[in-house]
Amino acid sequence: MTLHVPVLLDRVMELLAPAATGERPVFVDATLGLGGHTEAMLERFGDVVVLGIDRDPEAIARSAERLERFGDRVVFANRVYDQIGDVVAEAGFGSVSGVLFDLGVSSLQLDVLGRGFAYSQDAPLDMRMNPTVGNSAADVLNTYSEQDLARVLWEFGEERFAKRIAHAVVAQRDRQPFTTSARLVELIRDNIPAPARRTGGNPAKRTFQALRMEVNDELGAWRRALPAALDATAVGGRVVVLAYHSLEDRFAKRTFAAATTSKAPRDLPVVPAELAPKFRLVTRGAEQATPAEVAENPRAKSVRLRAIERIAA
């Protein structure tokens, strides 16, 4: 498999560099994937130790092979990233100097045909990031009520025709359960008006995204993971987030805003330490990829990057 270049790699390393100080600083790559970001951390920051977290056992195996030359400078954890606090503690550390989240689906999951993440290929409708745990996308399609299915498509996929697609799925599954992606793609095309099919890329994109996020509880895990990452970060440490979905980016924005805002009344002349913000924003708003990077790496088109630094215990 060709190893892809991670989105905004140089900018991510630039943001993490000030935290790579002291004796053997510890970073967490909370979305290890194929190990591209972790490899860059280990190469550029000579003393850093990286805890690589991924719920996908295959990602762990491939990254372990790729990063074998770094020995004990990298520790692997086959967990969901909302367990970051446990991973850090079990590795024997009280806190970390940096945390990176590169959210969404990895290139490994998209490129492996049998995983069912890609709407451009016919494959079993699985979409589980850990294929040994939980319900598959087929289970969702074949068991959810029409109302719940429409809610998933609208909330996670922002699909304008969510109700129409959900109604068609329920009608068809009574005759034959859904098992493969090609049939679902065909149903979506048949139930979206022709003008809508001609714009915005493949009309199945939003439905597949929604199913993936539901199957893996991505938003729920994210809402637990980011506060846990802030809690695990030492003074001077940084948390960097690459988000590709508006709901994920919105939560990062709100969480960072709360962490960087004083809790003291505005007219208080002296702010007690316990009411002062413990973090400061490193980025102004959300940074985006340049047109040149998007041309080279289309996945970067929707990325929103935010970073924060702990300034007080």
Protein backbone atom coordinates (compact mmCIF):
# COMPACT_ATOMS: atom_id res chain seq x y z
CA MET A 1 0.00 0.00 0.00
CA THR A 2 1.32 3.46 -0.87
CA LEU A 3 1.82 5.53 2.27
CA HIS A 4 -0.06 8.79 1.97
CA VAL A 5 1.19 12.14 3.22
CA PRO A 6 -0.94 13.27 6.20
CA VAL A 7 -2.98 16.44 5.87
CA LEU A 8 -1.16 19.66 6.92
CA LEU A 9 1.81 17.62 8.14
CA ASP A 10 4.33 20.48 8.28
CA ARG A 11 1.89 22.84 10.00
CA VAL A 12 0.99 20.21 12.60
CA MET A 13 4.69 19.63 13.36
CA GLU A 14 5.25 23.40 13.59
CA LEU A 15 2.46 23.69 16.16
CA LEU A 16 3.71 20.75 18.23
CA ALA A 17 7.40 21.74 18.14
CA PRO A 18 7.30 24.21 21.09
CA ALA A 19 5.92 21.41 23.29
CA ALA A 20 8.70 18.99 22.34
CA THR A 21 11.00 20.16 25.13
CA GLY A 22 12.44 18.68 28.30
CA GLU A 23 13.68 15.15 28.87
CA ARG A 24 11.78 12.61 26.76
CA PRO A 25 8.54 14.57 26.21
CA VAL A 26 5.47 12.42 25.60
CA PHE A 27 3.07 13.01 22.71
CA VAL A 28 -0.18 11.22 21.96
CA ASP A 29 -1.22 10.50 18.39
CA ALA A 30 -4.85 9.79 19.21
CA THR A 31 -5.67 8.79 15.62
CA LEU A 32 -2.66 6.69 14.64
CA GLY A 33 -3.93 5.32 11.31
CA LEU A 34 -0.98 4.36 9.13
CA GLY A 35 1.43 6.19 11.42
CA GLY A 36 2.33 9.15 9.22
CA HIS A 37 2.01 11.81 11.90
CA THR A 38 3.71 9.63 14.51
CA GLU A 39 6.61 8.91 12.16
CA ALA A 40 7.09 12.65 11.60
CA MET A 41 7.05 13.33 15.37
CA LEU A 42 9.65 10.65 16.02
CA GLU A 43 11.90 11.85 13.20
CA ARG A 44 11.69 15.58 13.91
CA PHE A 45 11.68 15.57 17.71
CA GLY A 46 14.65 13.46 18.71
CA ASP A 47 13.72 12.64 22.30
CA VAL A 48 9.94 12.38 22.06
CA VAL A 49 7.99 9.27 23.03
CA VAL A 50 4.68 8.79 21.17
CA LEU A 51 1.63 6.92 22.44
CA GLY A 52 -0.23 5.83 19.30
CA ILE A 53 -3.95 5.13 19.76
CA ASP A 54 -6.24 3.50 17.21
CA ARG A 55 -9.35 1.37 17.55
CA ASP A 56 -8.52 -0.45 14.29
CA PRO A 57 -6.36 -3.53 14.96
CA GLU A 58 -5.06 -3.49 11.38
CA ALA A 59 -3.90 0.12 11.78
CA ILE A 60 -1.98 -0.87 14.89
CA ALA A 61 -0.34 -3.80 13.08
CA ARG A 62 0.66 -1.77 10.01
CA SER A 63 1.97 1.13 12.07
CA ALA A 64 3.95 -1.19 14.34
CA GLU A 65 5.70 -2.57 11.27
CA ARG A 66 6.30 0.90 9.80
CA LEU A 67 7.65 2.33 13.05
CA GLU A 68 9.61 -0.69 14.27
CA ARG A 69 12.93 1.14 13.86
CA PHE A 70 12.01 3.58 16.65
CA GLY A 71 11.89 0.84 19.29
CA ASP A 72 10.49 1.83 22.68
CA ARG A 73 10.02 5.46 21.63
CA VAL A 74 6.56 4.47 20.39
CA VAL A 75 3.88 2.67 22.40
CA PHE A 76 0.74 1.30 20.72
CA ALA A 77 -2.76 1.14 22.20
CA ASN A 78 -5.63 -0.61 20.41
CA ARG A 79 -8.30 1.57 22.02
CA VAL A 80 -10.87 4.23 21.18
CA TYR A 81 -9.38 7.69 21.68
CA ASP A 82 -11.86 8.68 24.38
CA GLN A 83 -9.81 6.35 26.62
CA ILE A 84 -6.77 8.63 26.29
CA GLY A 85 -6.55 9.15 30.07
CA ASP A 86 -6.33 5.41 30.69
CA VAL A 87 -3.76 4.95 27.90
CA VAL A 88 -1.51 7.65 29.35
CA ALA A 89 -1.79 6.25 32.90
CA GLU A 90 -1.20 2.65 31.80
CA ALA A 91 1.93 3.74 29.94
CA GLY A 92 3.24 5.12 33.23
CA PHE A 93 2.90 8.84 32.59
CA GLY A 94 1.15 11.46 34.71
CA SER A 95 0.66 13.90 31.83
CA VAL A 96 1.73 14.53 28.23
CA SER A 97 3.29 17.37 26.26
CA GLY A 98 1.21 17.11 23.11
CA VAL A 99 -1.92 15.50 21.70
CA LEU A 100 -2.92 15.25 18.04
CA PHE A 101 -6.37 14.36 16.70
CA ASP A 102 -6.74 13.81 12.93
CA LEU A 103 -10.44 12.98 12.86
CA GLY A 104 -12.54 11.04 10.38
CA VAL A 105 -11.83 7.92 8.35
CA SER A 106 -8.24 6.90 7.61
CA SER A 107 -6.77 6.11 4.22
CA LEU A 108 -6.29 2.52 5.40
CA GLN A 109 -10.02 2.09 5.94
CA LEU A 110 -10.92 3.74 2.64
CA ASP A 111 -8.42 1.73 0.62
CA VAL A 112 -9.25 -1.76 1.93
CA LEU A 113 -12.14 -3.01 -0.21
CA GLY A 114 -13.77 -5.31 2.32
CA ARG A 115 -14.29 -2.59 4.95
CA GLY A 116 -17.20 -0.94 3.10
CA PHE A 117 -16.21 2.68 3.78
CA ALA A 118 -15.88 3.71 0.14
CA TYR A 119 -19.04 4.33 -1.89
CA SER A 120 -17.06 4.07 -5.13
CA GLN A 121 -16.54 0.32 -4.70
CA ASP A 122 -18.99 -2.51 -4.11
CA ALA A 123 -18.20 -4.10 -0.76
CA PRO A 124 -19.91 -5.48 2.35
CA LEU A 125 -21.62 -2.70 4.33
CA ASP A 126 -19.47 -2.87 7.43
CA MET A 127 -17.83 0.52 8.20
CA ARG A 128 -16.69 -0.47 11.71
CA MET A 129 -13.30 1.02 12.50
CA ASN A 130 -12.77 -2.02 14.71
CA PRO A 131 -14.40 -4.80 12.67
CA THR A 132 -14.74 -7.02 15.75
CA VAL A 133 -16.91 -4.67 17.82
CA GLY A 134 -20.47 -3.36 17.55
CA ASN A 135 -23.07 -3.10 14.82
CA SER A 136 -22.19 -2.72 11.15
CA ALA A 137 -23.66 -0.25 8.67
CA ALA A 138 -25.82 -3.09 7.35
CA ASP A 139 -27.22 -3.59 10.85
CA VAL A 140 -28.13 0.09 11.04
CA LEU A 141 -29.83 0.05 7.64
CA ASN A 142 -31.74 -3.13 8.35
CA THR A 143 -32.88 -2.49 11.93
CA TYR A 144 -33.29 1.25 12.57
CA SER A 145 -36.74 2.74 12.33
CA GLU A 146 -37.41 5.05 9.42
CA GLN A 147 -37.42 8.03 11.79
CA ASP A 148 -34.11 7.11 13.42
CA LEU A 149 -32.46 6.41 10.09
CA ALA A 150 -33.58 9.80 8.74
CA ARG A 151 -32.22 11.45 11.89
CA VAL A 152 -28.80 9.85 11.41
CA LEU A 153 -28.61 10.89 7.76
CA TRP A 154 -29.61 14.46 8.54
CA GLU A 155 -27.58 14.98 11.71
CA PHE A 156 -24.32 13.33 10.66
CA GLY A 157 -24.52 13.67 6.88
CA GLU A 158 -26.49 16.90 6.53
CA GLU A 159 -28.40 15.04 3.83
CA ARG A 160 -31.26 17.21 2.52
CA PHE A 161 -33.13 14.15 1.28
CA ALA A 162 -32.69 12.13 4.47
CA LYS A 163 -36.40 11.37 4.89
CA ARG A 164 -36.77 10.26 1.28
CA ILE A 165 -33.72 7.98 1.47
CA ALA A 166 -34.77 6.51 4.83
CA HIS A 167 -38.26 5.77 3.50
CA ALA A 168 -36.81 4.00 0.45
CA VAL A 169 -34.39 1.95 2.58
CA VAL A 170 -37.17 0.70 4.86
CA ALA A 171 -39.38 -0.16 1.88
CA GLN A 172 -36.62 -2.12 0.15
CA ARG A 173 -35.20 -3.91 3.17
CA ASP A 174 -38.56 -5.59 3.77
CA ARG A 175 -38.04 -7.38 0.46
CA GLN A 176 -34.30 -7.94 0.81
CA PRO A 177 -31.92 -6.80 3.59
CA PHE A 178 -29.04 -4.52 2.62
CA THR A 179 -25.64 -6.22 2.59
CA THR A 180 -23.44 -4.42 0.03
CA SER A 181 -22.61 -0.83 -0.84
CA ALA A 182 -23.51 -0.89 -4.55
CA ARG A 183 -27.19 -1.48 -3.84
CA LEU A 184 -27.28 1.38 -1.35
CA VAL A 185 -25.54 3.73 -3.78
CA GLU A 186 -28.10 2.83 -6.45
CA LEU A 187 -30.98 3.48 -4.04
CA ILE A 188 -29.56 6.89 -3.12
CA ARG A 189 -29.17 7.90 -6.77
CA ASP A 190 -32.74 6.82 -7.49
CA ASN A 191 -34.15 8.86 -4.62
CA ILE A 192 -32.30 12.14 -5.10
CA PRO A 193 -33.66 14.60 -7.71
CA ALA A 194 -31.64 14.83 -10.91
CA PRO A 195 -30.49 18.46 -10.37
CA ALA A 196 -29.06 17.51 -6.95
CA ARG A 197 -27.24 14.53 -8.45
CA ARG A 198 -25.35 16.81 -10.84
CA THR A 199 -23.68 18.92 -8.13
CA GLY A 200 -21.60 18.28 -5.03
CA GLY A 201 -19.87 15.07 -6.09
CA ASN A 202 -21.16 11.55 -5.52
CA PRO A 203 -24.67 11.77 -4.01
CA ALA A 204 -23.88 8.79 -1.74
CA LYS A 205 -21.09 10.65 0.06
CA ARG A 206 -23.27 12.19 2.76
CA THR A 207 -25.15 8.98 3.55
CA PHE A 208 -21.95 6.94 3.82
CA GLN A 209 -20.41 9.56 6.11
CA ALA A 210 -23.50 9.53 8.32
CA LEU A 211 -23.58 5.74 8.59
CA ARG A 212 -19.88 5.62 9.41
CA MET A 213 -20.25 8.20 12.18
CA GLU A 214 -23.24 6.37 13.64
CA VAL A 215 -21.64 2.92 13.51
CA ASN A 216 -18.51 4.14 15.29
CA ASP A 217 -20.19 6.63 17.67
CA GLU A 218 -17.67 9.14 16.35
CA LEU A 219 -19.33 12.25 17.73
CA GLY A 220 -19.94 10.69 21.16
CA ALA A 221 -16.35 9.48 21.39
CA TRP A 222 -15.09 12.90 20.27
CA ARG A 223 -17.14 14.71 22.92
CA ARG A 224 -15.53 12.53 25.57
CA ALA A 225 -12.02 12.51 24.08
CA LEU A 226 -11.24 16.22 23.74
CA PRO A 227 -11.91 17.15 27.39
CA ALA A 228 -9.89 14.08 28.42
CA ALA A 229 -7.01 15.24 26.24
CA LEU A 230 -7.03 18.69 27.83
CA ASP A 231 -7.00 17.08 31.28
CA ALA A 232 -3.97 14.97 30.32
CA THR A 233 -1.94 17.88 28.94
CA ALA A 234 0.86 19.36 31.08
CA VAL A 235 1.68 23.06 31.36
CA GLY A 236 3.35 24.12 28.12
CA GLY A 237 1.72 21.20 26.30
CA ARG A 238 -0.41 21.57 23.20
CA VAL A 239 -3.48 19.91 21.70
CA VAL A 240 -3.90 20.06 17.91
CA VAL A 241 -7.14 19.10 16.16
CA LEU A 242 -7.75 18.40 12.47
CA ALA A 243 -11.53 18.18 11.91
CA TYR A 244 -13.35 17.48 8.64
CA HIS A 245 -16.98 17.60 9.78
CA SER A 246 -18.78 20.73 10.94
CA LEU A 247 -20.11 19.07 14.12
CA GLU A 248 -16.63 17.93 15.15
CA ASP A 249 -15.08 21.32 14.43
CA ARG A 250 -17.88 23.13 16.25
CA PHE A 251 -17.29 21.06 19.37
CA ALA A 252 -13.54 21.76 19.22
CA LYS A 253 -14.24 25.49 18.85
CA ARG A 254 -16.60 25.57 21.82
CA THR A 255 -14.36 23.44 24.03
CA PHE A 256 -11.31 25.57 23.26
CA ALA A 257 -13.30 28.78 23.84
CA ALA A 258 -14.45 27.58 27.27
CA ALA A 259 -10.93 26.52 28.24
CA THR A 260 -9.41 29.88 27.26
CA THR A 261 -12.03 32.13 28.88
CA SER A 262 -11.74 33.55 32.39
CA LYS A 263 -14.46 32.48 34.80
CA ALA A 264 -14.12 35.66 36.85
CA PRO A 265 -16.62 38.55 36.66
CA ARG A 266 -15.51 41.13 34.09
CA ASP A 267 -15.25 43.96 36.62
CA LEU A 268 -13.07 42.00 39.06
CA PRO A 269 -9.79 43.99 39.41
CA VAL A 270 -7.66 40.95 40.29
CA VAL A 271 -8.49 37.53 38.86
CA PRO A 272 -7.85 34.65 41.30
CA ALA A 273 -5.72 31.88 39.85
CA GLU A 274 -8.54 29.36 40.16
CA LEU A 275 -10.77 31.51 37.93
CA ALA A 276 -8.13 32.37 35.31
CA PRO A 277 -8.07 30.40 32.06
CA LYS A 278 -5.74 27.41 32.03
CA PHE A 279 -5.25 27.45 28.26
CA ARG A 280 -4.57 29.91 25.46
CA LEU A 281 -5.46 29.65 21.79
CA VAL A 282 -2.50 29.05 19.48
CA THR A 283 -4.40 29.44 16.20
CA ARG A 284 -6.66 32.32 15.23
CA GLY A 285 -9.93 30.65 14.38
CA ALA A 286 -9.75 27.56 12.19
CA GLU A 287 -6.89 27.26 9.71
CA GLN A 288 -7.51 25.69 6.31
CA ALA A 289 -5.32 24.02 3.73
CA THR A 290 -3.87 26.10 0.92
CA PRO A 291 -5.12 25.59 -2.66
CA ALA A 292 -1.77 23.99 -3.47
CA GLU A 293 -2.16 21.38 -0.74
CA VAL A 294 -5.76 20.66 -1.72
CA ALA A 295 -4.61 20.09 -5.32
CA GLU A 296 -2.00 17.62 -4.08
CA ASN A 297 -4.14 16.04 -1.37
CA PRO A 298 -7.92 16.36 -2.02
CA ARG A 299 -8.73 15.10 1.51
CA ALA A 300 -7.41 18.44 2.81
CA LYS A 301 -10.24 20.39 1.20
CA SER A 302 -12.58 20.30 4.20
CA VAL A 303 -9.99 20.31 7.00
CA ARG A 304 -10.24 22.80 9.87
CA LEU A 305 -7.19 23.01 12.14
CA ARG A 306 -7.25 24.38 15.70
CA ALA A 307 -4.62 24.31 18.44
CA ILE A 308 -4.49 25.20 22.13
CA GLU A 309 -1.75 25.37 24.79
CA ARG A 310 -1.96 24.83 28.54
CA ILE A 311 -0.59 27.82 30.44
CA ALA A 312 -1.54 26.93 34.02
CA ALA A 313 -2.02 23.80 36.09
